[in-house]
Amino acid sequence: ELRMNLEDYTVSKQGKEIELTAKEFEILRLLLQNPRKVYTKEQIYSLIWNDAYFGDENAVNVHISRLRNKIEDNPRSPKYVITVWGIGYKSGEFK
């Protein structure tokens, strides 16, 4: 079970705290607060970095990869941060 505390900027999984960078936290918050919305890499970059996107998707890819390595049981088969091929990312279905 993944929990995010917006007051103290912590994330925990099964009761164990996970250390995230500020950008990783903001990406996860963006996706979790809008669970059905698919965000393009451009949208994620613009919203999280508060900067214009110049086509360098590597920054978003690296942060998503690092985030998955920290929160997913199996980062190659993610359930929290889902890739929508050809479009971008969305949060997974939580039950």
N, C-alpha and C. Protein backbone atom coordinates (compact mmCIF):
# COMPACT_ATOMS: atom_id res chain seq x y z
N GLU A 1 0.84 -1.18 0.00
CA GLU A 1 0.00 0.00 0.00
C GLU A 1 0.89 1.25 0.00
N LEU A 2 0.65 2.11 -0.94
CA LEU A 2 1.42 3.33 -1.11
C LEU A 2 0.65 4.50 -0.50
N ARG A 3 1.32 5.27 0.36
CA ARG A 3 0.69 6.42 0.98
C ARG A 3 1.54 7.66 0.76
N MET A 4 0.85 8.76 0.49
CA MET A 4 1.52 10.03 0.27
C MET A 4 0.94 11.04 1.24
N ASN A 5 1.83 11.71 2.01
CA ASN A 5 1.41 12.72 2.95
C ASN A 5 1.82 14.08 2.39
N LEU A 6 0.83 14.86 1.98
CA LEU A 6 1.10 16.15 1.36
C LEU A 6 1.52 17.22 2.36
N GLU A 7 1.27 16.99 3.65
CA GLU A 7 1.64 17.98 4.66
C GLU A 7 3.12 17.95 4.99
N ASP A 8 3.70 16.74 5.07
CA ASP A 8 5.12 16.67 5.41
C ASP A 8 5.98 16.10 4.27
N TYR A 9 5.37 16.01 3.10
CA TYR A 9 6.09 15.58 1.89
C TYR A 9 6.79 14.24 2.06
N THR A 10 6.04 13.28 2.61
CA THR A 10 6.60 11.93 2.74
C THR A 10 5.76 10.94 1.95
N VAL A 11 6.43 9.87 1.55
CA VAL A 11 5.77 8.76 0.87
C VAL A 11 6.19 7.49 1.60
N SER A 12 5.22 6.62 1.84
CA SER A 12 5.56 5.35 2.48
C SER A 12 4.86 4.22 1.75
N LYS A 13 5.48 3.07 1.83
CA LYS A 13 4.92 1.87 1.20
C LYS A 13 4.95 0.77 2.24
N GLN A 14 3.78 0.25 2.53
CA GLN A 14 3.62 -0.78 3.56
C GLN A 14 4.27 -0.34 4.87
N GLY A 15 4.07 0.94 5.21
CA GLY A 15 4.56 1.49 6.46
C GLY A 15 6.01 1.92 6.48
N LYS A 16 6.75 1.67 5.41
CA LYS A 16 8.17 2.03 5.35
C LYS A 16 8.34 3.29 4.49
N GLU A 17 9.00 4.30 5.06
CA GLU A 17 9.18 5.56 4.34
C GLU A 17 10.13 5.40 3.16
N ILE A 18 9.77 6.05 2.05
CA ILE A 18 10.58 6.03 0.83
C ILE A 18 11.08 7.44 0.60
N GLU A 19 12.37 7.58 0.43
CA GLU A 19 12.95 8.90 0.18
C GLU A 19 12.86 9.24 -1.30
N LEU A 20 12.16 10.32 -1.59
CA LEU A 20 12.03 10.80 -2.96
C LEU A 20 12.64 12.19 -3.07
N THR A 21 13.14 12.52 -4.25
CA THR A 21 13.58 13.89 -4.50
C THR A 21 12.33 14.75 -4.65
N ALA A 22 12.51 16.05 -4.62
CA ALA A 22 11.38 16.97 -4.76
C ALA A 22 10.66 16.75 -6.09
N LYS A 23 11.41 16.56 -7.17
CA LYS A 23 10.80 16.36 -8.49
C LYS A 23 10.05 15.03 -8.54
N GLU A 24 10.63 13.97 -7.98
CA GLU A 24 9.95 12.66 -7.95
C GLU A 24 8.64 12.77 -7.18
N PHE A 25 8.69 13.47 -6.04
CA PHE A 25 7.49 13.65 -5.22
C PHE A 25 6.42 14.40 -6.01
N GLU A 26 6.81 15.47 -6.68
CA GLU A 26 5.85 16.28 -7.43
C GLU A 26 5.25 15.51 -8.61
N ILE A 27 6.05 14.70 -9.28
CA ILE A 27 5.53 13.88 -10.38
C ILE A 27 4.51 12.89 -9.84
N LEU A 28 4.86 12.20 -8.76
CA LEU A 28 3.93 11.24 -8.16
C LEU A 28 2.66 11.92 -7.71
N ARG A 29 2.78 13.08 -7.07
CA ARG A 29 1.59 13.81 -6.62
C ARG A 29 0.71 14.19 -7.80
N LEU A 30 1.32 14.71 -8.86
CA LEU A 30 0.56 15.09 -10.05
C LEU A 30 -0.26 13.90 -10.58
N LEU A 31 0.39 12.76 -10.70
CA LEU A 31 -0.29 11.58 -11.25
C LEU A 31 -1.37 11.06 -10.31
N LEU A 32 -1.09 11.02 -9.01
CA LEU A 32 -2.06 10.50 -8.06
C LEU A 32 -3.26 11.42 -7.85
N GLN A 33 -3.04 12.71 -7.96
CA GLN A 33 -4.15 13.65 -7.78
C GLN A 33 -5.09 13.68 -8.98
N ASN A 34 -4.65 13.15 -10.10
CA ASN A 34 -5.47 13.12 -11.32
C ASN A 34 -5.40 11.72 -11.91
N PRO A 35 -5.99 10.73 -11.21
CA PRO A 35 -5.75 9.33 -11.54
C PRO A 35 -6.18 8.86 -12.94
N ARG A 36 -7.12 9.49 -13.55
CA ARG A 36 -7.56 9.04 -14.87
C ARG A 36 -6.91 9.81 -16.01
N LYS A 37 -6.22 10.86 -15.68
CA LYS A 37 -5.62 11.72 -16.70
C LYS A 37 -4.27 11.19 -17.15
N VAL A 38 -4.07 11.21 -18.45
CA VAL A 38 -2.78 10.85 -19.04
C VAL A 38 -2.03 12.14 -19.33
N TYR A 39 -0.81 12.23 -18.82
CA TYR A 39 0.02 13.40 -19.04
C TYR A 39 1.11 13.09 -20.06
N THR A 40 1.29 14.00 -21.00
CA THR A 40 2.41 13.87 -21.93
C THR A 40 3.68 14.25 -21.19
N LYS A 41 4.81 13.87 -21.75
CA LYS A 41 6.09 14.26 -21.15
C LYS A 41 6.23 15.78 -21.14
N GLU A 42 5.72 16.41 -22.18
CA GLU A 42 5.76 17.87 -22.25
C GLU A 42 4.96 18.50 -21.12
N GLN A 43 3.77 17.96 -20.85
CA GLN A 43 2.94 18.49 -19.77
C GLN A 43 3.61 18.28 -18.41
N ILE A 44 4.16 17.10 -18.20
CA ILE A 44 4.83 16.82 -16.93
C ILE A 44 5.99 17.80 -16.74
N TYR A 45 6.80 17.96 -17.77
CA TYR A 45 7.95 18.86 -17.68
C TYR A 45 7.50 20.29 -17.36
N SER A 46 6.53 20.77 -18.10
CA SER A 46 6.05 22.15 -17.91
C SER A 46 5.47 22.37 -16.51
N LEU A 47 4.71 21.39 -16.02
CA LEU A 47 4.07 21.53 -14.71
C LEU A 47 5.04 21.35 -13.54
N ILE A 48 5.97 20.43 -13.66
CA ILE A 48 6.88 20.13 -12.56
C ILE A 48 8.08 21.06 -12.54
N TRP A 49 8.65 21.33 -13.69
CA TRP A 49 9.83 22.19 -13.75
C TRP A 49 9.47 23.68 -13.89
N ASN A 50 8.18 23.95 -14.14
CA ASN A 50 7.72 25.34 -14.33
C ASN A 50 8.56 26.05 -15.38
N ASP A 51 8.77 25.37 -16.47
CA ASP A 51 9.64 25.89 -17.52
C ASP A 51 9.09 25.42 -18.87
N ALA A 52 9.49 26.10 -19.91
CA ALA A 52 9.08 25.69 -21.26
C ALA A 52 9.79 24.39 -21.63
N TYR A 53 9.08 23.57 -22.37
CA TYR A 53 9.60 22.27 -22.80
C TYR A 53 10.24 22.44 -24.17
N PHE A 54 11.49 22.01 -24.30
CA PHE A 54 12.20 22.16 -25.57
C PHE A 54 12.48 20.83 -26.25
N GLY A 55 11.68 19.82 -25.95
CA GLY A 55 11.82 18.53 -26.62
C GLY A 55 12.80 17.58 -25.96
N ASP A 56 13.37 17.97 -24.83
CA ASP A 56 14.29 17.08 -24.13
C ASP A 56 13.50 16.24 -23.14
N GLU A 57 13.03 15.09 -23.61
CA GLU A 57 12.21 14.24 -22.75
C GLU A 57 13.05 13.42 -21.78
N ASN A 58 14.37 13.46 -21.92
CA ASN A 58 15.23 12.66 -21.07
C ASN A 58 15.06 13.00 -19.59
N ALA A 59 14.88 14.27 -19.25
CA ALA A 59 14.70 14.66 -17.84
C ALA A 59 13.49 13.96 -17.24
N VAL A 60 12.40 13.93 -17.95
CA VAL A 60 11.18 13.28 -17.46
C VAL A 60 11.41 11.77 -17.39
N ASN A 61 12.00 11.18 -18.42
CA ASN A 61 12.25 9.73 -18.43
C ASN A 61 13.10 9.29 -17.25
N VAL A 62 14.17 10.04 -16.98
CA VAL A 62 15.07 9.69 -15.88
C VAL A 62 14.34 9.77 -14.54
N HIS A 63 13.57 10.81 -14.32
CA HIS A 63 12.85 10.95 -13.05
C HIS A 63 11.78 9.87 -12.89
N ILE A 64 11.08 9.54 -13.97
CA ILE A 64 10.08 8.46 -13.90
C ILE A 64 10.77 7.14 -13.59
N SER A 65 11.88 6.87 -14.22
CA SER A 65 12.62 5.62 -13.99
C SER A 65 13.09 5.53 -12.54
N ARG A 66 13.65 6.60 -12.01
CA ARG A 66 14.11 6.60 -10.62
C ARG A 66 12.95 6.46 -9.65
N LEU A 67 11.84 7.13 -9.95
CA LEU A 67 10.65 7.02 -9.12
C LEU A 67 10.15 5.58 -9.10
N ARG A 68 10.06 4.97 -10.25
CA ARG A 68 9.61 3.57 -10.32
C ARG A 68 10.54 2.64 -9.54
N ASN A 69 11.84 2.86 -9.64
CA ASN A 69 12.79 2.02 -8.91
C ASN A 69 12.58 2.12 -7.41
N LYS A 70 12.08 3.23 -6.95
CA LYS A 70 11.87 3.43 -5.51
C LYS A 70 10.52 2.91 -5.02
N ILE A 71 9.47 3.03 -5.83
CA ILE A 71 8.12 2.73 -5.33
C ILE A 71 7.52 1.43 -5.84
N GLU A 72 8.01 0.93 -6.95
CA GLU A 72 7.40 -0.26 -7.55
C GLU A 72 8.03 -1.55 -7.01
N ASP A 73 7.21 -2.60 -6.86
CA ASP A 73 7.74 -3.91 -6.52
C ASP A 73 8.61 -4.43 -7.66
N ASN A 74 8.10 -4.22 -8.89
CA ASN A 74 8.83 -4.62 -10.08
C ASN A 74 8.79 -3.44 -11.06
N PRO A 75 9.86 -2.64 -11.10
CA PRO A 75 9.85 -1.45 -11.97
C PRO A 75 9.62 -1.75 -13.44
N ARG A 76 9.90 -2.98 -13.88
CA ARG A 76 9.68 -3.34 -15.29
C ARG A 76 8.21 -3.67 -15.57
N SER A 77 7.46 -3.87 -14.51
CA SER A 77 6.02 -4.12 -14.63
C SER A 77 5.30 -3.25 -13.60
N PRO A 78 5.32 -1.93 -13.85
CA PRO A 78 4.81 -0.99 -12.83
C PRO A 78 3.31 -1.05 -12.64
N LYS A 79 2.89 -0.77 -11.41
CA LYS A 79 1.46 -0.68 -11.14
C LYS A 79 1.05 0.70 -10.62
N TYR A 80 2.03 1.53 -10.23
CA TYR A 80 1.73 2.86 -9.73
C TYR A 80 1.91 3.95 -10.79
N VAL A 81 2.95 3.85 -11.59
CA VAL A 81 3.21 4.83 -12.66
C VAL A 81 3.21 4.08 -13.98
N ILE A 82 2.14 4.24 -14.73
CA ILE A 82 1.89 3.48 -15.94
C ILE A 82 2.27 4.29 -17.18
N THR A 83 2.96 3.63 -18.11
CA THR A 83 3.26 4.24 -19.40
C THR A 83 2.09 4.05 -20.34
N VAL A 84 1.66 5.11 -20.97
CA VAL A 84 0.66 5.04 -22.04
C VAL A 84 1.46 5.26 -23.32
N TRP A 85 1.78 4.18 -23.99
CA TRP A 85 2.71 4.23 -25.12
C TRP A 85 2.31 5.25 -26.17
N GLY A 86 3.28 6.05 -26.55
CA GLY A 86 3.08 7.07 -27.57
C GLY A 86 2.45 8.35 -27.05
N ILE A 87 2.06 8.35 -25.75
CA ILE A 87 1.40 9.54 -25.20
C ILE A 87 2.16 10.07 -23.98
N GLY A 88 2.25 9.26 -22.92
CA GLY A 88 2.91 9.72 -21.71
C GLY A 88 2.70 8.78 -20.55
N TYR A 89 2.26 9.35 -19.40
CA TYR A 89 2.14 8.57 -18.17
C TYR A 89 0.85 8.89 -17.44
N LYS A 90 0.41 7.92 -16.63
CA LYS A 90 -0.74 8.10 -15.76
C LYS A 90 -0.53 7.24 -14.52
N SER A 91 -1.35 7.47 -13.51
CA SER A 91 -1.25 6.62 -12.32
C SER A 91 -2.00 5.32 -12.59
N GLY A 92 -1.58 4.29 -11.89
CA GLY A 92 -2.21 2.98 -12.03
C GLY A 92 -3.53 2.93 -11.30
N GLU A 93 -4.23 1.84 -11.47
CA GLU A 93 -5.50 1.62 -10.79
C GLU A 93 -5.21 1.08 -9.40
N PHE A 94 -5.66 1.78 -8.37
CA PHE A 94 -5.45 1.34 -7.00
C PHE A 94 -6.71 0.67 -6.49
N LYS A 95 -6.51 -0.43 -5.78
CA LYS A 95 -7.67 -1.15 -5.24
C LYS A 95 -7.55 -1.28 -3.75
